[in-house]
Amino acid sequence: MIDEKKLKIIEDQLTGSILYDDLHKALYATDASVYRKIPLAVAYPKNTKDLQLLIEFAKSNKISLIPRTAGTSLAGQCVGEGIIVDVSKHFTNIIAFDEINKTITVEPGVIRDELNLFLKPFGLFFGPNTSTSNRCMIGGMVGNN
């Protein structure tokens, strides 16, 4: 298992943050399922360089990364013993929209209802309708469902 010294090293390299206190680990140990797994840590990357650092750290230490956004995990898909990588805070942008080809590129933290508000003036919408549409994020919908 990884000790706190190694976590401190990656913490110092990130622009975002990585937390490994008991409170944050407990908050991320569950989703809306019956499963409970205490993660090693919870990371909040701010940019793609942070994501690259986390991937390199996980690979070199043989630990898993569990990507997480919000709103659709009902079966334990986003819990685990590795590092939870919560992109819901900083990866929330619509990157590109092509009205002619009706395509859009978004970061995983874009909320479904907010995406549809953006698309509405163009007569478009993102179809899956979940009961959590006002808070579920595209990354979770694509990754979990």
C-alpha atoms as a PDB file:
ATOM      1  CA  MET A   1       0.000   0.000   0.000  1.00  0.00           C
ATOM      2  CA  ILE A   2       1.096   3.569  -0.635  1.00  0.00           C
ATOM      3  CA  ASP A   3       2.260   5.536   2.373  1.00  0.00           C
ATOM      4  CA  GLU A   4       1.508   9.186   3.057  1.00  0.00           C
ATOM      5  CA  LYS A   5       5.047  10.224   2.033  1.00  0.00           C
ATOM      6  CA  LYS A   6       4.335   9.210  -1.563  1.00  0.00           C
ATOM      7  CA  LEU A   7       0.945  10.927  -1.495  1.00  0.00           C
ATOM      8  CA  LYS A   8       2.659  14.090  -0.224  1.00  0.00           C
ATOM      9  CA  ILE A   9       5.027  13.977  -3.222  1.00  0.00           C
ATOM     10  CA  ILE A  10       2.148  13.907  -5.737  1.00  0.00           C
ATOM     11  CA  GLU A  11       0.275  16.490  -3.671  1.00  0.00           C
ATOM     12  CA  ASP A  12       3.190  18.913  -4.053  1.00  0.00           C
ATOM     13  CA  GLN A  13       3.253  18.390  -7.838  1.00  0.00           C
ATOM     14  CA  LEU A  14      -0.444  18.993  -8.531  1.00  0.00           C
ATOM     15  CA  THR A  15      -1.995  22.343  -9.360  1.00  0.00           C
ATOM     16  CA  GLY A  16      -5.222  20.908  -7.979  1.00  0.00           C
ATOM     17  CA  SER A  17      -5.409  18.979  -4.748  1.00  0.00           C
ATOM     18  CA  ILE A  18      -5.272  15.467  -3.382  1.00  0.00           C
ATOM     19  CA  LEU A  19      -6.777  14.708  -0.002  1.00  0.00           C
ATOM     20  CA  TYR A  20      -6.209  11.597   2.064  1.00  0.00           C
ATOM     21  CA  ASP A  21      -7.817  12.472   5.374  1.00  0.00           C
ATOM     22  CA  ASP A  22     -10.449  10.161   6.856  1.00  0.00           C
ATOM     23  CA  LEU A  23     -13.356  12.558   6.173  1.00  0.00           C
ATOM     24  CA  HIS A  24     -12.772  12.843   2.418  1.00  0.00           C
ATOM     25  CA  LYS A  25     -12.068   9.140   2.066  1.00  0.00           C
ATOM     26  CA  ALA A  26     -15.335   8.345   3.883  1.00  0.00           C
ATOM     27  CA  LEU A  27     -17.312  10.797   1.722  1.00  0.00           C
ATOM     28  CA  TYR A  28     -16.089   9.086  -1.447  1.00  0.00           C
ATOM     29  CA  ALA A  29     -16.377   5.504  -0.173  1.00  0.00           C
ATOM     30  CA  THR A  30     -19.968   5.182  -1.406  1.00  0.00           C
ATOM     31  CA  ASP A  31     -22.266   6.111  -4.246  1.00  0.00           C
ATOM     32  CA  ALA A  32     -26.023   5.459  -4.398  1.00  0.00           C
ATOM     33  CA  SER A  33     -25.407   1.703  -4.175  1.00  0.00           C
ATOM     34  CA  VAL A  34     -24.870  -0.618  -1.224  1.00  0.00           C
ATOM     35  CA  TYR A  35     -21.134  -0.825  -1.948  1.00  0.00           C
ATOM     36  CA  ARG A  36     -18.528   0.762   0.298  1.00  0.00           C
ATOM     37  CA  LYS A  37     -14.820   0.883  -0.468  1.00  0.00           C
ATOM     38  CA  ILE A  38     -12.471   3.269   1.288  1.00  0.00           C
ATOM     39  CA  PRO A  39     -10.256   4.945  -1.334  1.00  0.00           C
ATOM     40  CA  LEU A  40      -6.575   5.646  -0.868  1.00  0.00           C
ATOM     41  CA  ALA A  41      -7.172   9.343  -1.609  1.00  0.00           C
ATOM     42  CA  VAL A  42      -9.396  11.798  -3.459  1.00  0.00           C
ATOM     43  CA  ALA A  43      -7.886  14.012  -6.153  1.00  0.00           C
ATOM     44  CA  TYR A  44      -9.360  17.203  -7.616  1.00  0.00           C
ATOM     45  CA  PRO A  45      -7.253  17.857 -10.728  1.00  0.00           C
ATOM     46  CA  LYS A  46      -7.384  21.374 -12.182  1.00  0.00           C
ATOM     47  CA  ASN A  47      -5.983  20.689 -15.645  1.00  0.00           C
ATOM     48  CA  THR A  48      -4.782  18.014 -18.035  1.00  0.00           C
ATOM     49  CA  LYS A  49      -1.238  18.199 -16.642  1.00  0.00           C
ATOM     50  CA  ASP A  50      -2.672  17.164 -13.251  1.00  0.00           C
ATOM     51  CA  LEU A  51      -4.425  14.233 -14.945  1.00  0.00           C
ATOM     52  CA  GLN A  52      -1.153  13.183 -16.583  1.00  0.00           C
ATOM     53  CA  LEU A  53       0.665  13.367 -13.240  1.00  0.00           C
ATOM     54  CA  LEU A  54      -2.014  11.252 -11.567  1.00  0.00           C
ATOM     55  CA  ILE A  55      -1.862   8.642 -14.330  1.00  0.00           C
ATOM     56  CA  GLU A  56       1.942   8.444 -14.105  1.00  0.00           C
ATOM     57  CA  PHE A  57       1.765   8.222 -10.294  1.00  0.00           C
ATOM     58  CA  ALA A  58      -0.843   5.453 -10.406  1.00  0.00           C
ATOM     59  CA  LYS A  59       1.059   3.498 -13.032  1.00  0.00           C
ATOM     60  CA  SER A  60       4.397   3.703 -11.221  1.00  0.00           C
ATOM     61  CA  ASN A  61       2.788   2.705  -7.910  1.00  0.00           C
ATOM     62  CA  LYS A  62       0.480   0.025  -9.374  1.00  0.00           C
ATOM     63  CA  ILE A  63      -2.708   1.577  -8.027  1.00  0.00           C
ATOM     64  CA  SER A  64      -6.011   2.273  -9.730  1.00  0.00           C
ATOM     65  CA  LEU A  65      -7.619   5.581 -10.610  1.00  0.00           C
ATOM     66  CA  ILE A  66     -11.391   5.828 -10.326  1.00  0.00           C
ATOM     67  CA  PRO A  67     -12.799   8.723 -12.403  1.00  0.00           C
ATOM     68  CA  ARG A  68     -15.809  10.368 -10.813  1.00  0.00           C
ATOM     69  CA  THR A  69     -18.281  13.121 -11.603  1.00  0.00           C
ATOM     70  CA  ALA A  70     -21.806  13.153 -10.179  1.00  0.00           C
ATOM     71  CA  GLY A  71     -25.309  11.884 -10.402  1.00  0.00           C
ATOM     72  CA  THR A  72     -25.717   8.495 -12.080  1.00  0.00           C
ATOM     73  CA  SER A  73     -23.775   5.771 -10.255  1.00  0.00           C
ATOM     74  CA  LEU A  74     -26.219   3.338  -8.706  1.00  0.00           C
ATOM     75  CA  ALA A  75     -24.170   0.155  -8.773  1.00  0.00           C
ATOM     76  CA  GLY A  76     -20.776   0.896  -7.237  1.00  0.00           C
ATOM     77  CA  GLN A  77     -19.045   1.923 -10.476  1.00  0.00           C
ATOM     78  CA  CYS A  78     -17.258   4.902  -8.922  1.00  0.00           C
ATOM     79  CA  VAL A  79     -16.039   3.435  -5.647  1.00  0.00           C
ATOM     80  CA  GLY A  80     -12.772   1.625  -5.155  1.00  0.00           C
ATOM     81  CA  GLU A  81      -9.579   1.352  -3.170  1.00  0.00           C
ATOM     82  CA  GLY A  82      -7.416   3.459  -5.495  1.00  0.00           C
ATOM     83  CA  ILE A  83      -7.441   7.222  -5.977  1.00  0.00           C
ATOM     84  CA  ILE A  84     -10.812   8.776  -6.730  1.00  0.00           C
ATOM     85  CA  VAL A  85     -10.306  11.422  -9.435  1.00  0.00           C
ATOM     86  CA  ASP A  86     -13.159  13.908  -9.088  1.00  0.00           C
ATOM     87  CA  VAL A  87     -13.326  16.043 -12.231  1.00  0.00           C
ATOM     88  CA  SER A  88     -16.668  17.639 -11.336  1.00  0.00           C
ATOM     89  CA  LYS A  89     -15.050  20.773  -9.925  1.00  0.00           C
ATOM     90  CA  HIS A  90     -12.717  21.969 -12.660  1.00  0.00           C
ATOM     91  CA  PHE A  91     -13.604  20.109 -15.878  1.00  0.00           C
ATOM     92  CA  THR A  92     -16.945  21.788 -16.545  1.00  0.00           C
ATOM     93  CA  ASN A  93     -16.521  23.500 -19.904  1.00  0.00           C
ATOM     94  CA  ILE A  94     -18.131  23.191 -23.273  1.00  0.00           C
ATOM     95  CA  ILE A  95     -15.058  23.081 -25.494  1.00  0.00           C
ATOM     96  CA  ALA A  96     -16.456  23.202 -29.011  1.00  0.00           C
ATOM     97  CA  PHE A  97     -19.824  23.256 -30.784  1.00  0.00           C
ATOM     98  CA  ASP A  98     -20.394  22.642 -34.486  1.00  0.00           C
ATOM     99  CA  GLU A  99     -23.929  23.723 -35.333  1.00  0.00           C
ATOM    100  CA  ILE A 100     -23.733  22.473 -38.922  1.00  0.00           C
ATOM    101  CA  ASN A 101     -22.601  18.935 -38.030  1.00  0.00           C
ATOM    102  CA  LYS A 102     -24.550  18.959 -34.756  1.00  0.00           C
ATOM    103  CA  THR A 103     -21.580  17.870 -32.662  1.00  0.00           C
ATOM    104  CA  ILE A 104     -20.336  19.128 -29.348  1.00  0.00           C
ATOM    105  CA  THR A 105     -17.222  18.468 -27.302  1.00  0.00           C
ATOM    106  CA  VAL A 106     -17.525  18.832 -23.537  1.00  0.00           C
ATOM    107  CA  GLU A 107     -15.454  18.161 -20.466  1.00  0.00           C
ATOM    108  CA  PRO A 108     -16.786  15.388 -18.200  1.00  0.00           C
ATOM    109  CA  GLY A 109     -18.076  17.736 -15.488  1.00  0.00           C
ATOM    110  CA  VAL A 110     -20.709  19.428 -17.673  1.00  0.00           C
ATOM    111  CA  ILE A 111     -24.164  18.979 -16.112  1.00  0.00           C
ATOM    112  CA  ARG A 112     -26.763  17.421 -18.397  1.00  0.00           C
ATOM    113  CA  ASP A 113     -29.439  20.115 -17.913  1.00  0.00           C
ATOM    114  CA  GLU A 114     -26.892  22.891 -18.461  1.00  0.00           C
ATOM    115  CA  LEU A 115     -25.773  21.222 -21.686  1.00  0.00           C
ATOM    116  CA  ASN A 116     -29.381  21.087 -22.858  1.00  0.00           C
ATOM    117  CA  LEU A 117     -29.907  24.761 -21.995  1.00  0.00           C
ATOM    118  CA  PHE A 118     -26.923  25.553 -24.203  1.00  0.00           C
ATOM    119  CA  LEU A 119     -28.274  23.370 -27.042  1.00  0.00           C
ATOM    120  CA  LYS A 120     -31.918  24.489 -26.880  1.00  0.00           C
ATOM    121  CA  PRO A 121     -31.568  27.627 -29.085  1.00  0.00           C
ATOM    122  CA  PHE A 122     -30.213  25.343 -31.835  1.00  0.00           C
ATOM    123  CA  GLY A 123     -33.141  22.911 -31.605  1.00  0.00           C
ATOM    124  CA  LEU A 124     -30.868  20.209 -30.177  1.00  0.00           C
ATOM    125  CA  PHE A 125     -30.683  18.236 -26.939  1.00  0.00           C
ATOM    126  CA  PHE A 126     -28.682  15.468 -25.304  1.00  0.00           C
ATOM    127  CA  GLY A 127     -31.228  12.676 -25.085  1.00  0.00           C
ATOM    128  CA  PRO A 128     -30.710  10.433 -22.069  1.00  0.00           C
ATOM    129  CA  ASN A 129     -33.134  11.606 -19.413  1.00  0.00           C
ATOM    130  CA  THR A 130     -32.205  10.719 -15.857  1.00  0.00           C
ATOM    131  CA  SER A 131     -34.017  11.610 -12.664  1.00  0.00           C
ATOM    132  CA  THR A 132     -30.847  13.432 -11.613  1.00  0.00           C
ATOM    133  CA  SER A 133     -30.557  15.515 -14.796  1.00  0.00           C
ATOM    134  CA  ASN A 134     -30.110  18.762 -12.847  1.00  0.00           C
ATOM    135  CA  ARG A 135     -26.906  17.476 -11.254  1.00  0.00           C
ATOM    136  CA  CYS A 136     -25.666  14.454 -13.214  1.00  0.00           C
ATOM    137  CA  MET A 137     -22.636  15.062 -15.353  1.00  0.00           C
ATOM    138  CA  ILE A 138     -21.839  13.872 -18.837  1.00  0.00           C
ATOM    139  CA  GLY A 139     -18.683  12.044 -17.760  1.00  0.00           C
ATOM    140  CA  GLY A 140     -20.648   9.937 -15.294  1.00  0.00           C
ATOM    141  CA  MET A 141     -23.437   9.254 -17.748  1.00  0.00           C
ATOM    142  CA  VAL A 142     -21.013   8.070 -20.421  1.00  0.00           C
ATOM    143  CA  GLY A 143     -18.677   6.231 -18.039  1.00  0.00           C
ATOM    144  CA  ASN A 144     -21.287   4.527 -15.893  1.00  0.00           C
ATOM    145  CA  ASN A 145     -24.280   4.009 -18.104  1.00  0.00           C
END
